[in-house]
Amino acid sequence: MLIQIYVVWLVFIMESWLEKHFVDVWGDLTILELGCGHGNDTMYLAATGHRIISCDIAEDQLAIVHESFPGVETVNFDLRERFPFEPAMADIVIAGLCLHFFTEDEQRKMLDEIARVLKPGGTFLCRLNSSKGRVANVPGETDLGSGYYMTKGGLKRFYNEEMIRESFFDWDIMFIDEYETITYSKNNTVFELNLKLK
């Protein structure tokens, strides 16, 4: 039990990338978290006091989030489909390390859906894999071009800054940073973005 508590605490410390974006965030907000997984970012969000809706395609991951954070709403859906939410329902949308598993067309549809569910003036926070963090010459990995690779785990894209600006051409990039971090116990390099619709 003590080991589990320590692991949860360690993950929380390492995955608190959201904290800087919430320094001046006040009021009773609705925050939509996409691709929540088993709740690394949910742990921080649940402590903010806002209404949190955490979403994922994997029901078993959502069950973990539901059990760990009873005050957080959970919704099961595929990001490639129309989001099951009304327009302009979210003050903030968060996508931590989940958008780079999709084709450009799929991602474009997701960004359109994020824009649809965001309130006017709302904020979109996301992290994406950086090309600097990709391990070269992985056995069984196929280079598909444009930063895409077919890996053992499926399709994955690694970005440079030019690719990001092309992908988010209809968003104002309020903040962009590229840095090394630890995700799921592995060293990784990511881009972190704070965006608003133009």
N, C-alpha and C. Protein backbone atom coordinates (compact mmCIF):
# COMPACT_ATOMS: atom_id res chain seq x y z
N MET A 1 0.82 -1.20 0.00
CA MET A 1 0.00 0.00 0.00
C MET A 1 0.86 1.26 0.00
N LEU A 2 1.91 1.28 0.82
CA LEU A 2 2.79 2.45 0.87
C LEU A 2 3.49 2.67 -0.47
N ILE A 3 3.85 1.57 -1.13
CA ILE A 3 4.50 1.68 -2.44
C ILE A 3 3.54 2.30 -3.45
N GLN A 4 2.26 1.89 -3.42
CA GLN A 4 1.27 2.46 -4.33
C GLN A 4 1.09 3.95 -4.09
N ILE A 5 1.03 4.34 -2.83
CA ILE A 5 0.89 5.76 -2.49
C ILE A 5 2.09 6.54 -2.99
N TYR A 6 3.29 5.97 -2.81
CA TYR A 6 4.50 6.65 -3.27
C TYR A 6 4.51 6.82 -4.78
N VAL A 7 4.10 5.77 -5.51
CA VAL A 7 4.07 5.83 -6.97
C VAL A 7 3.08 6.90 -7.43
N VAL A 8 1.89 6.94 -6.81
CA VAL A 8 0.90 7.95 -7.16
C VAL A 8 1.44 9.35 -6.89
N TRP A 9 2.09 9.53 -5.75
CA TRP A 9 2.66 10.83 -5.40
C TRP A 9 3.75 11.22 -6.39
N LEU A 10 4.60 10.26 -6.78
CA LEU A 10 5.69 10.54 -7.71
C LEU A 10 5.15 10.94 -9.08
N VAL A 11 4.12 10.23 -9.55
CA VAL A 11 3.50 10.56 -10.83
C VAL A 11 2.91 11.96 -10.77
N PHE A 12 2.26 12.29 -9.66
CA PHE A 12 1.65 13.61 -9.51
C PHE A 12 2.70 14.71 -9.60
N ILE A 13 3.82 14.52 -8.93
CA ILE A 13 4.88 15.52 -8.95
C ILE A 13 5.43 15.69 -10.37
N MET A 14 5.65 14.58 -11.07
CA MET A 14 6.26 14.63 -12.39
C MET A 14 5.29 15.12 -13.46
N GLU A 15 3.99 14.94 -13.25
CA GLU A 15 3.02 15.24 -14.28
C GLU A 15 2.23 16.51 -13.99
N SER A 16 2.78 17.43 -13.21
CA SER A 16 2.06 18.65 -12.87
C SER A 16 2.32 19.77 -13.88
N TRP A 17 2.43 19.42 -15.16
CA TRP A 17 2.67 20.41 -16.21
C TRP A 17 1.54 21.42 -16.30
N LEU A 18 0.36 21.08 -15.82
CA LEU A 18 -0.80 21.96 -15.93
C LEU A 18 -0.78 23.12 -14.94
N GLU A 19 -0.01 22.97 -13.88
CA GLU A 19 -0.09 23.93 -12.78
C GLU A 19 0.11 25.37 -13.24
N LYS A 20 1.10 25.62 -14.08
CA LYS A 20 1.40 27.00 -14.51
C LYS A 20 0.23 27.64 -15.25
N HIS A 21 -0.59 26.82 -15.90
CA HIS A 21 -1.71 27.34 -16.68
C HIS A 21 -2.93 27.67 -15.81
N PHE A 22 -2.88 27.28 -14.54
CA PHE A 22 -4.02 27.51 -13.66
C PHE A 22 -3.75 28.57 -12.59
N VAL A 23 -2.62 29.24 -12.68
CA VAL A 23 -2.26 30.25 -11.67
C VAL A 23 -3.32 31.34 -11.58
N ASP A 24 -3.79 31.84 -12.71
CA ASP A 24 -4.76 32.94 -12.72
C ASP A 24 -6.14 32.50 -13.21
N VAL A 25 -6.47 31.24 -13.00
CA VAL A 25 -7.76 30.71 -13.44
C VAL A 25 -8.70 30.68 -12.23
N TRP A 26 -9.80 31.42 -12.34
CA TRP A 26 -10.74 31.53 -11.23
C TRP A 26 -12.15 31.19 -11.71
N GLY A 27 -13.04 31.04 -10.76
CA GLY A 27 -14.44 30.80 -11.08
C GLY A 27 -14.77 29.32 -11.13
N ASP A 28 -16.03 29.06 -11.39
CA ASP A 28 -16.53 27.68 -11.47
C ASP A 28 -16.50 27.26 -12.94
N LEU A 29 -15.41 26.64 -13.34
CA LEU A 29 -15.20 26.33 -14.75
C LEU A 29 -15.52 24.87 -15.08
N THR A 30 -15.80 24.64 -16.34
CA THR A 30 -15.96 23.28 -16.86
C THR A 30 -14.72 22.95 -17.67
N ILE A 31 -14.03 21.89 -17.27
CA ILE A 31 -12.77 21.49 -17.91
C ILE A 31 -12.97 20.11 -18.53
N LEU A 32 -12.74 20.02 -19.83
CA LEU A 32 -12.90 18.76 -20.56
C LEU A 32 -11.52 18.18 -20.82
N GLU A 33 -11.27 17.01 -20.26
CA GLU A 33 -9.97 16.33 -20.43
C GLU A 33 -10.13 15.18 -21.41
N LEU A 34 -9.39 15.26 -22.52
CA LEU A 34 -9.46 14.22 -23.55
C LEU A 34 -8.32 13.23 -23.38
N GLY A 35 -8.60 11.95 -23.64
CA GLY A 35 -7.57 10.92 -23.54
C GLY A 35 -6.96 10.86 -22.16
N CYS A 36 -7.80 10.77 -21.15
CA CYS A 36 -7.32 10.87 -19.75
C CYS A 36 -6.50 9.68 -19.30
N GLY A 37 -6.61 8.54 -20.00
CA GLY A 37 -5.87 7.35 -19.56
C GLY A 37 -6.29 6.97 -18.15
N HIS A 38 -5.32 6.57 -17.32
CA HIS A 38 -5.67 6.18 -15.96
C HIS A 38 -5.59 7.33 -14.97
N GLY A 39 -5.43 8.57 -15.47
CA GLY A 39 -5.64 9.72 -14.60
C GLY A 39 -4.43 10.49 -14.13
N ASN A 40 -3.31 10.43 -14.88
CA ASN A 40 -2.13 11.21 -14.46
C ASN A 40 -2.47 12.69 -14.31
N ASP A 41 -3.10 13.27 -15.34
CA ASP A 41 -3.45 14.69 -15.29
C ASP A 41 -4.73 14.92 -14.48
N THR A 42 -5.60 13.93 -14.46
CA THR A 42 -6.84 14.04 -13.69
C THR A 42 -6.55 14.29 -12.23
N MET A 43 -5.46 13.71 -11.74
CA MET A 43 -5.10 13.89 -10.33
C MET A 43 -4.93 15.36 -9.99
N TYR A 44 -4.24 16.09 -10.87
CA TYR A 44 -4.09 17.53 -10.63
C TYR A 44 -5.43 18.24 -10.80
N LEU A 45 -6.13 17.94 -11.89
CA LEU A 45 -7.38 18.63 -12.20
C LEU A 45 -8.42 18.45 -11.12
N ALA A 46 -8.50 17.25 -10.56
CA ALA A 46 -9.51 16.96 -9.53
C ALA A 46 -9.33 17.84 -8.30
N ALA A 47 -8.12 18.31 -8.07
CA ALA A 47 -7.84 19.14 -6.89
C ALA A 47 -8.11 20.62 -7.13
N THR A 48 -8.47 21.01 -8.35
CA THR A 48 -8.68 22.43 -8.65
C THR A 48 -10.03 22.95 -8.19
N GLY A 49 -10.98 22.05 -7.95
CA GLY A 49 -12.31 22.47 -7.52
C GLY A 49 -13.25 22.79 -8.66
N HIS A 50 -12.79 22.70 -9.90
CA HIS A 50 -13.64 22.95 -11.05
C HIS A 50 -14.41 21.69 -11.43
N ARG A 51 -15.38 21.83 -12.32
CA ARG A 51 -16.09 20.67 -12.86
C ARG A 51 -15.17 20.01 -13.89
N ILE A 52 -14.82 18.76 -13.65
CA ILE A 52 -13.91 18.03 -14.53
C ILE A 52 -14.67 16.91 -15.23
N ILE A 53 -14.55 16.86 -16.55
CA ILE A 53 -15.12 15.76 -17.34
C ILE A 53 -13.95 15.09 -18.04
N SER A 54 -13.62 13.88 -17.60
CA SER A 54 -12.48 13.15 -18.15
C SER A 54 -12.98 12.08 -19.12
N CYS A 55 -12.33 12.02 -20.29
CA CYS A 55 -12.82 11.17 -21.37
C CYS A 55 -11.72 10.24 -21.87
N ASP A 56 -12.14 9.06 -22.30
CA ASP A 56 -11.19 8.12 -22.90
C ASP A 56 -11.98 7.06 -23.67
N ILE A 57 -11.30 6.42 -24.61
CA ILE A 57 -11.93 5.33 -25.36
C ILE A 57 -11.89 4.02 -24.57
N ALA A 58 -10.96 3.91 -23.63
CA ALA A 58 -10.77 2.66 -22.88
C ALA A 58 -11.61 2.66 -21.61
N GLU A 59 -12.59 1.79 -21.55
CA GLU A 59 -13.48 1.73 -20.39
C GLU A 59 -12.74 1.34 -19.12
N ASP A 60 -11.73 0.47 -19.24
CA ASP A 60 -11.00 0.05 -18.04
C ASP A 60 -10.22 1.23 -17.44
N GLN A 61 -9.68 2.12 -18.30
CA GLN A 61 -8.98 3.29 -17.80
C GLN A 61 -9.95 4.25 -17.11
N LEU A 62 -11.12 4.43 -17.71
CA LEU A 62 -12.13 5.30 -17.10
C LEU A 62 -12.61 4.76 -15.77
N ALA A 63 -12.65 3.44 -15.65
CA ALA A 63 -13.06 2.84 -14.37
C ALA A 63 -12.06 3.19 -13.27
N ILE A 64 -10.78 3.21 -13.62
CA ILE A 64 -9.74 3.60 -12.65
C ILE A 64 -9.93 5.05 -12.23
N VAL A 65 -10.16 5.93 -13.22
CA VAL A 65 -10.37 7.35 -12.93
C VAL A 65 -11.61 7.54 -12.06
N HIS A 66 -12.69 6.85 -12.40
CA HIS A 66 -13.95 6.96 -11.64
C HIS A 66 -13.77 6.54 -10.18
N GLU A 67 -13.02 5.45 -10.00
CA GLU A 67 -12.80 4.95 -8.65
C GLU A 67 -11.84 5.85 -7.87
N SER A 68 -10.82 6.36 -8.53
CA SER A 68 -9.80 7.17 -7.86
C SER A 68 -10.27 8.59 -7.56
N PHE A 69 -11.12 9.13 -8.44
CA PHE A 69 -11.56 10.52 -8.30
C PHE A 69 -13.08 10.58 -8.44
N PRO A 70 -13.82 10.26 -7.37
CA PRO A 70 -15.28 10.15 -7.44
C PRO A 70 -15.99 11.44 -7.88
N GLY A 71 -15.37 12.60 -7.67
CA GLY A 71 -16.00 13.85 -8.06
C GLY A 71 -15.84 14.20 -9.52
N VAL A 72 -15.06 13.41 -10.25
CA VAL A 72 -14.81 13.66 -11.67
C VAL A 72 -15.81 12.89 -12.52
N GLU A 73 -16.43 13.57 -13.47
CA GLU A 73 -17.33 12.90 -14.40
C GLU A 73 -16.49 12.18 -15.46
N THR A 74 -16.94 11.02 -15.89
CA THR A 74 -16.22 10.28 -16.92
C THR A 74 -17.14 9.99 -18.10
N VAL A 75 -16.59 10.10 -19.30
CA VAL A 75 -17.36 9.85 -20.52
C VAL A 75 -16.51 9.00 -21.45
N ASN A 76 -17.11 7.92 -21.93
CA ASN A 76 -16.43 6.98 -22.82
C ASN A 76 -16.80 7.28 -24.27
N PHE A 77 -15.80 7.68 -25.09
CA PHE A 77 -16.05 7.85 -26.51
C PHE A 77 -14.74 7.87 -27.28
N ASP A 78 -14.87 7.70 -28.59
CA ASP A 78 -13.74 7.67 -29.52
C ASP A 78 -13.52 9.09 -30.03
N LEU A 79 -12.32 9.62 -29.86
CA LEU A 79 -12.03 10.99 -30.29
C LEU A 79 -12.21 11.19 -31.79
N ARG A 80 -12.23 10.11 -32.56
CA ARG A 80 -12.41 10.22 -34.01
C ARG A 80 -13.87 10.48 -34.39
N GLU A 81 -14.77 10.33 -33.41
CA GLU A 81 -16.20 10.56 -33.64
C GLU A 81 -16.58 11.95 -33.15
N ARG A 82 -17.80 12.37 -33.48
CA ARG A 82 -18.31 13.65 -32.97
C ARG A 82 -18.34 13.60 -31.45
N PHE A 83 -17.84 14.64 -30.80
CA PHE A 83 -17.82 14.66 -29.34
C PHE A 83 -19.26 14.72 -28.81
N PRO A 84 -19.59 13.95 -27.78
CA PRO A 84 -20.97 13.91 -27.27
C PRO A 84 -21.27 15.07 -26.30
N PHE A 85 -20.98 16.28 -26.76
CA PHE A 85 -21.18 17.46 -25.93
C PHE A 85 -21.80 18.58 -26.75
N GLU A 86 -22.52 19.46 -26.06
CA GLU A 86 -23.12 20.62 -26.70
C GLU A 86 -22.05 21.64 -27.08
N PRO A 87 -22.33 22.49 -28.06
CA PRO A 87 -21.38 23.55 -28.41
C PRO A 87 -21.12 24.48 -27.23
N ALA A 88 -19.91 25.01 -27.17
CA ALA A 88 -19.53 26.03 -26.18
C ALA A 88 -19.82 25.60 -24.74
N MET A 89 -19.50 24.35 -24.41
CA MET A 89 -19.76 23.85 -23.05
C MET A 89 -18.54 23.87 -22.15
N ALA A 90 -17.33 24.03 -22.71
CA ALA A 90 -16.11 23.91 -21.91
C ALA A 90 -15.33 25.22 -21.88
N ASP A 91 -14.85 25.58 -20.70
CA ASP A 91 -13.98 26.74 -20.57
C ASP A 91 -12.55 26.39 -20.98
N ILE A 92 -12.15 25.15 -20.68
CA ILE A 92 -10.80 24.68 -20.99
C ILE A 92 -10.90 23.25 -21.52
N VAL A 93 -10.17 22.96 -22.58
CA VAL A 93 -10.04 21.59 -23.08
C VAL A 93 -8.57 21.20 -22.95
N ILE A 94 -8.33 19.99 -22.46
CA ILE A 94 -6.97 19.51 -22.23
C ILE A 94 -6.78 18.19 -22.97
N ALA A 95 -5.67 18.10 -23.71
CA ALA A 95 -5.31 16.86 -24.40
C ALA A 95 -3.83 16.60 -24.14
N GLY A 96 -3.55 15.85 -23.10
CA GLY A 96 -2.16 15.57 -22.72
C GLY A 96 -1.64 14.30 -23.38
N LEU A 97 -0.82 14.46 -24.42
CA LEU A 97 -0.16 13.33 -25.08
C LEU A 97 -1.13 12.31 -25.65
N CYS A 98 -2.18 12.80 -26.34
CA CYS A 98 -3.10 11.86 -26.99
C CYS A 98 -3.37 12.19 -28.45
N LEU A 99 -3.11 13.40 -28.90
CA LEU A 99 -3.47 13.77 -30.28
C LEU A 99 -2.50 13.25 -31.33
N HIS A 100 -1.31 12.78 -30.91
CA HIS A 100 -0.32 12.36 -31.90
C HIS A 100 -0.48 10.89 -32.33
N PHE A 101 -1.59 10.27 -31.95
CA PHE A 101 -1.84 8.88 -32.35
C PHE A 101 -2.78 8.78 -33.56
N PHE A 102 -3.02 9.91 -34.23
CA PHE A 102 -4.04 9.95 -35.27
C PHE A 102 -3.48 10.53 -36.57
N THR A 103 -4.15 10.22 -37.68
CA THR A 103 -3.76 10.78 -38.96
C THR A 103 -4.06 12.28 -38.97
N GLU A 104 -3.52 12.98 -39.98
CA GLU A 104 -3.76 14.42 -40.09
C GLU A 104 -5.24 14.72 -40.25
N ASP A 105 -5.95 13.92 -41.07
CA ASP A 105 -7.39 14.14 -41.26
C ASP A 105 -8.15 13.92 -39.96
N GLU A 106 -7.81 12.86 -39.24
CA GLU A 106 -8.47 12.59 -37.96
C GLU A 106 -8.20 13.71 -36.97
N GLN A 107 -6.95 14.15 -36.92
CA GLN A 107 -6.61 15.23 -35.99
C GLN A 107 -7.33 16.52 -36.35
N ARG A 108 -7.46 16.81 -37.65
CA ARG A 108 -8.17 18.01 -38.08
C ARG A 108 -9.61 17.98 -37.59
N LYS A 109 -10.28 16.82 -37.71
CA LYS A 109 -11.66 16.69 -37.22
C LYS A 109 -11.72 16.88 -35.70
N MET A 110 -10.73 16.36 -34.99
CA MET A 110 -10.68 16.54 -33.53
C MET A 110 -10.53 18.00 -33.16
N LEU A 111 -9.66 18.70 -33.87
CA LEU A 111 -9.47 20.13 -33.59
C LEU A 111 -10.74 20.92 -33.89
N ASP A 112 -11.46 20.53 -34.93
CA ASP A 112 -12.75 21.17 -35.22
C ASP A 112 -13.74 20.92 -34.08
N GLU A 113 -13.75 19.71 -33.56
CA GLU A 113 -14.64 19.38 -32.45
C GLU A 113 -14.23 20.12 -31.16
N ILE A 114 -12.94 20.23 -30.93
CA ILE A 114 -12.47 20.99 -29.76
C ILE A 114 -12.92 22.44 -29.88
N ALA A 115 -12.78 23.00 -31.09
CA ALA A 115 -13.22 24.38 -31.31
C ALA A 115 -14.72 24.51 -31.09
N ARG A 116 -15.48 23.50 -31.48
CA ARG A 116 -16.94 23.54 -31.34
C ARG A 116 -17.37 23.55 -29.87
N VAL A 117 -16.70 22.73 -29.05
CA VAL A 117 -17.15 22.61 -27.65
C VAL A 117 -16.55 23.67 -26.73
N LEU A 118 -15.54 24.40 -27.20
CA LEU A 118 -14.94 25.46 -26.38
C LEU A 118 -15.83 26.69 -26.37
N LYS A 119 -15.93 27.32 -25.21
CA LYS A 119 -16.62 28.60 -25.12
C LYS A 119 -15.79 29.68 -25.80
N PRO A 120 -16.42 30.75 -26.27
CA PRO A 120 -15.65 31.87 -26.84
C PRO A 120 -14.60 32.36 -25.85
N GLY A 121 -13.37 32.49 -26.30
CA GLY A 121 -12.29 32.90 -25.41
C GLY A 121 -11.71 31.78 -24.58
N GLY A 122 -12.22 30.56 -24.79
CA GLY A 122 -11.74 29.41 -24.03
C GLY A 122 -10.32 29.03 -24.39
N THR A 123 -9.74 28.15 -23.58
CA THR A 123 -8.34 27.77 -23.71
C THR A 123 -8.22 26.29 -24.05
N PHE A 124 -7.30 25.98 -24.94
CA PHE A 124 -6.97 24.60 -25.27
C PHE A 124 -5.52 24.35 -24.87
N LEU A 125 -5.30 23.39 -23.97
CA LEU A 125 -3.97 23.02 -23.51
C LEU A 125 -3.65 21.63 -24.02
N CYS A 126 -2.45 21.46 -24.60
CA CYS A 126 -2.10 20.11 -25.04
C CYS A 126 -0.59 19.90 -25.00
N ARG A 127 -0.23 18.63 -25.02
CA ARG A 127 1.17 18.23 -25.17
C ARG A 127 1.26 17.22 -26.31
N LEU A 128 2.36 17.32 -27.05
CA LEU A 128 2.60 16.45 -28.21
C LEU A 128 4.02 15.93 -28.17
N ASN A 129 4.23 14.74 -28.73
CA ASN A 129 5.58 14.20 -28.82
C ASN A 129 6.46 15.07 -29.71
N SER A 130 7.68 15.35 -29.26
CA SER A 130 8.66 16.06 -30.07
C SER A 130 9.52 15.07 -30.84
N SER A 131 9.93 15.48 -32.05
CA SER A 131 10.82 14.64 -32.85
C SER A 131 12.16 14.42 -32.14
N LYS A 132 12.52 15.33 -31.23
CA LYS A 132 13.77 15.17 -30.49
C LYS A 132 13.72 13.99 -29.52
N GLY A 133 12.53 13.54 -29.19
CA GLY A 133 12.40 12.44 -28.25
C GLY A 133 12.24 11.08 -28.90
N ARG A 134 12.22 11.05 -30.23
CA ARG A 134 12.03 9.77 -30.91
C ARG A 134 13.31 8.96 -30.89
N VAL A 135 13.18 7.71 -30.55
CA VAL A 135 14.31 6.78 -30.57
C VAL A 135 14.46 6.24 -31.99
N ALA A 136 15.62 6.43 -32.59
CA ALA A 136 15.83 6.02 -33.98
C ALA A 136 16.07 4.52 -34.10
N ASN A 137 15.77 3.99 -35.27
CA ASN A 137 16.08 2.60 -35.64
C ASN A 137 15.49 1.56 -34.68
N VAL A 138 14.23 1.77 -34.29
CA VAL A 138 13.55 0.80 -33.44
C VAL A 138 13.12 -0.38 -34.32
N PRO A 139 13.47 -1.61 -33.97
CA PRO A 139 13.08 -2.76 -34.78
C PRO A 139 11.57 -2.84 -34.97
N GLY A 140 11.15 -3.05 -36.21
CA GLY A 140 9.73 -3.18 -36.51
C GLY A 140 9.01 -1.86 -36.70
N GLU A 141 9.71 -0.73 -36.58
CA GLU A 141 9.09 0.58 -36.75
C GLU A 141 9.26 1.05 -38.19
N THR A 142 8.20 1.57 -38.79
CA THR A 142 8.23 2.00 -40.18
C THR A 142 8.03 3.51 -40.28
N ASP A 143 8.94 4.19 -40.99
CA ASP A 143 8.84 5.63 -41.22
C ASP A 143 7.83 5.87 -42.34
N LEU A 144 6.73 6.56 -42.03
CA LEU A 144 5.69 6.83 -43.01
C LEU A 144 5.78 8.23 -43.60
N GLY A 145 6.75 9.02 -43.14
CA GLY A 145 6.91 10.39 -43.62
C GLY A 145 6.07 11.38 -42.83
N SER A 146 6.40 12.67 -42.95
CA SER A 146 5.68 13.77 -42.27
C SER A 146 5.65 13.59 -40.75
N GLY A 147 6.68 12.93 -40.21
CA GLY A 147 6.76 12.75 -38.77
C GLY A 147 6.00 11.56 -38.24
N TYR A 148 5.34 10.80 -39.15
CA TYR A 148 4.54 9.64 -38.74
C TYR A 148 5.37 8.37 -38.77
N TYR A 149 5.12 7.51 -37.79
CA TYR A 149 5.77 6.20 -37.72
C TYR A 149 4.73 5.16 -37.33
N MET A 150 4.82 4.01 -37.96
CA MET A 150 4.00 2.89 -37.52
C MET A 150 4.85 2.10 -36.54
N THR A 151 4.41 2.06 -35.30
CA THR A 151 5.16 1.39 -34.23
C THR A 151 4.42 0.13 -33.80
N LYS A 152 5.02 -0.61 -32.90
CA LYS A 152 4.35 -1.80 -32.38
C LYS A 152 3.05 -1.43 -31.69
N GLY A 153 3.00 -0.23 -31.15
CA GLY A 153 1.79 0.24 -30.47
C GLY A 153 0.81 0.94 -31.38
N GLY A 154 1.13 1.04 -32.67
CA GLY A 154 0.24 1.70 -33.62
C GLY A 154 0.85 2.97 -34.17
N LEU A 155 0.03 3.77 -34.83
CA LEU A 155 0.48 5.01 -35.46
C LEU A 155 0.86 6.05 -34.41
N LYS A 156 1.99 6.74 -34.66
CA LYS A 156 2.43 7.79 -33.74
C LYS A 156 3.13 8.87 -34.56
N ARG A 157 2.89 10.13 -34.18
CA ARG A 157 3.54 11.24 -34.88
C ARG A 157 4.46 11.99 -33.92
N PHE A 158 5.59 12.41 -34.44
CA PHE A 158 6.55 13.21 -33.68
C PHE A 158 6.69 14.55 -34.38
N TYR A 159 6.58 15.64 -33.61
CA TYR A 159 6.49 16.98 -34.17
C TYR A 159 7.76 17.79 -34.02
N ASN A 160 7.98 18.70 -34.99
CA ASN A 160 8.88 19.82 -34.78
C ASN A 160 7.99 21.07 -34.75
N GLU A 161 8.58 22.23 -34.50
CA GLU A 161 7.76 23.43 -34.32
C GLU A 161 7.02 23.81 -35.60
N GLU A 162 7.65 23.61 -36.75
CA GLU A 162 6.99 23.94 -38.02
C GLU A 162 5.72 23.11 -38.21
N MET A 163 5.81 21.81 -37.90
CA MET A 163 4.63 20.93 -38.01
C MET A 163 3.51 21.40 -37.09
N ILE A 164 3.87 21.84 -35.88
CA ILE A 164 2.87 22.31 -34.94
C ILE A 164 2.16 23.54 -35.48
N ARG A 165 2.93 24.49 -35.99
CA ARG A 165 2.32 25.72 -36.51
C ARG A 165 1.44 25.41 -37.73
N GLU A 166 1.79 24.42 -38.52
CA GLU A 166 0.96 24.01 -39.65
C GLU A 166 -0.33 23.34 -39.16
N SER A 167 -0.21 22.49 -38.16
CA SER A 167 -1.37 21.76 -37.64
C SER A 167 -2.37 22.67 -36.94
N PHE A 168 -1.85 23.69 -36.26
CA PHE A 168 -2.70 24.59 -35.48
C PHE A 168 -2.79 25.97 -36.13
N PHE A 169 -2.91 25.98 -37.47
CA PHE A 169 -2.87 27.26 -38.21
C PHE A 169 -4.03 28.18 -37.87
N ASP A 170 -5.17 27.61 -37.43
CA ASP A 170 -6.32 28.46 -37.12
C ASP A 170 -6.45 28.71 -35.61
N TRP A 171 -5.36 28.51 -34.88
CA TRP A 171 -5.32 28.80 -33.45
C TRP A 171 -4.21 29.81 -33.18
N ASP A 172 -4.42 30.67 -32.19
CA ASP A 172 -3.35 31.53 -31.69
C ASP A 172 -2.57 30.76 -30.64
N ILE A 173 -1.27 30.63 -30.86
CA ILE A 173 -0.42 29.94 -29.89
C ILE A 173 0.04 30.95 -28.85
N MET A 174 -0.56 30.86 -27.66
CA MET A 174 -0.26 31.80 -26.58
C MET A 174 1.03 31.43 -25.85
N PHE A 175 1.34 30.14 -25.89
CA PHE A 175 2.51 29.62 -25.18
C PHE A 175 2.94 28.35 -25.88
N ILE A 176 4.25 28.21 -26.10
CA ILE A 176 4.80 26.97 -26.65
C ILE A 176 6.15 26.72 -25.99
N ASP A 177 6.36 25.48 -25.58
CA ASP A 177 7.62 25.12 -24.94
C ASP A 177 7.96 23.68 -25.33
N GLU A 178 9.22 23.41 -25.48
CA GLU A 178 9.71 22.07 -25.79
C GLU A 178 10.69 21.68 -24.70
N TYR A 179 10.48 20.53 -24.08
CA TYR A 179 11.33 20.16 -22.95
C TYR A 179 11.34 18.65 -22.74
N GLU A 180 12.34 18.21 -22.00
CA GLU A 180 12.44 16.80 -21.63
C GLU A 180 11.63 16.56 -20.36
N THR A 181 11.00 15.41 -20.30
CA THR A 181 10.20 15.06 -19.14
C THR A 181 10.19 13.55 -18.99
N ILE A 182 9.49 13.07 -18.00
CA ILE A 182 9.31 11.63 -17.81
C ILE A 182 7.83 11.33 -17.92
N THR A 183 7.48 10.47 -18.86
CA THR A 183 6.09 10.06 -19.02
C THR A 183 6.04 8.54 -18.98
N TYR A 184 5.16 8.04 -18.13
CA TYR A 184 5.01 6.60 -17.97
C TYR A 184 6.35 5.92 -17.73
N SER A 185 7.14 6.54 -16.85
CA SER A 185 8.44 6.01 -16.39
C SER A 185 9.51 6.01 -17.48
N LYS A 186 9.30 6.74 -18.57
CA LYS A 186 10.30 6.80 -19.64
C LYS A 186 10.66 8.26 -19.92
N ASN A 187 11.93 8.48 -20.28
CA ASN A 187 12.34 9.81 -20.70
C ASN A 187 11.67 10.15 -22.02
N ASN A 188 11.24 11.38 -22.14
CA ASN A 188 10.53 11.80 -23.35
C ASN A 188 10.78 13.29 -23.57
N THR A 189 10.64 13.75 -24.81
CA THR A 189 10.69 15.18 -25.13
C THR A 189 9.35 15.55 -25.72
N VAL A 190 8.76 16.62 -25.19
CA VAL A 190 7.41 17.00 -25.60
C VAL A 190 7.33 18.49 -25.92
N PHE A 191 6.31 18.84 -26.70
CA PHE A 191 5.89 20.22 -26.86
C PHE A 191 4.67 20.45 -25.97
N GLU A 192 4.63 21.58 -25.33
CA GLU A 192 3.49 21.98 -24.51
C GLU A 192 2.91 23.26 -25.12
N LEU A 193 1.59 23.27 -25.32
CA LEU A 193 0.94 24.38 -25.99
C LEU A 193 -0.23 24.92 -25.19
N ASN A 194 -0.40 26.22 -25.23
CA ASN A 194 -1.58 26.91 -24.72
C ASN A 194 -2.14 27.68 -25.91
N LEU A 195 -3.37 27.34 -26.33
CA LEU A 195 -3.93 27.89 -27.56
C LEU A 195 -5.30 28.51 -27.34
N LYS A 196 -5.60 29.48 -28.18
CA LYS A 196 -6.93 30.06 -28.24
C LYS A 196 -7.32 30.17 -29.71
N LEU A 197 -8.62 30.06 -29.97
CA LEU A 197 -9.10 30.18 -31.35
C LEU A 197 -8.89 31.58 -31.88
N LYS A 198 -8.51 31.70 -33.14
CA LYS A 198 -8.35 33.02 -33.76
C LYS A 198 -9.71 33.63 -34.00
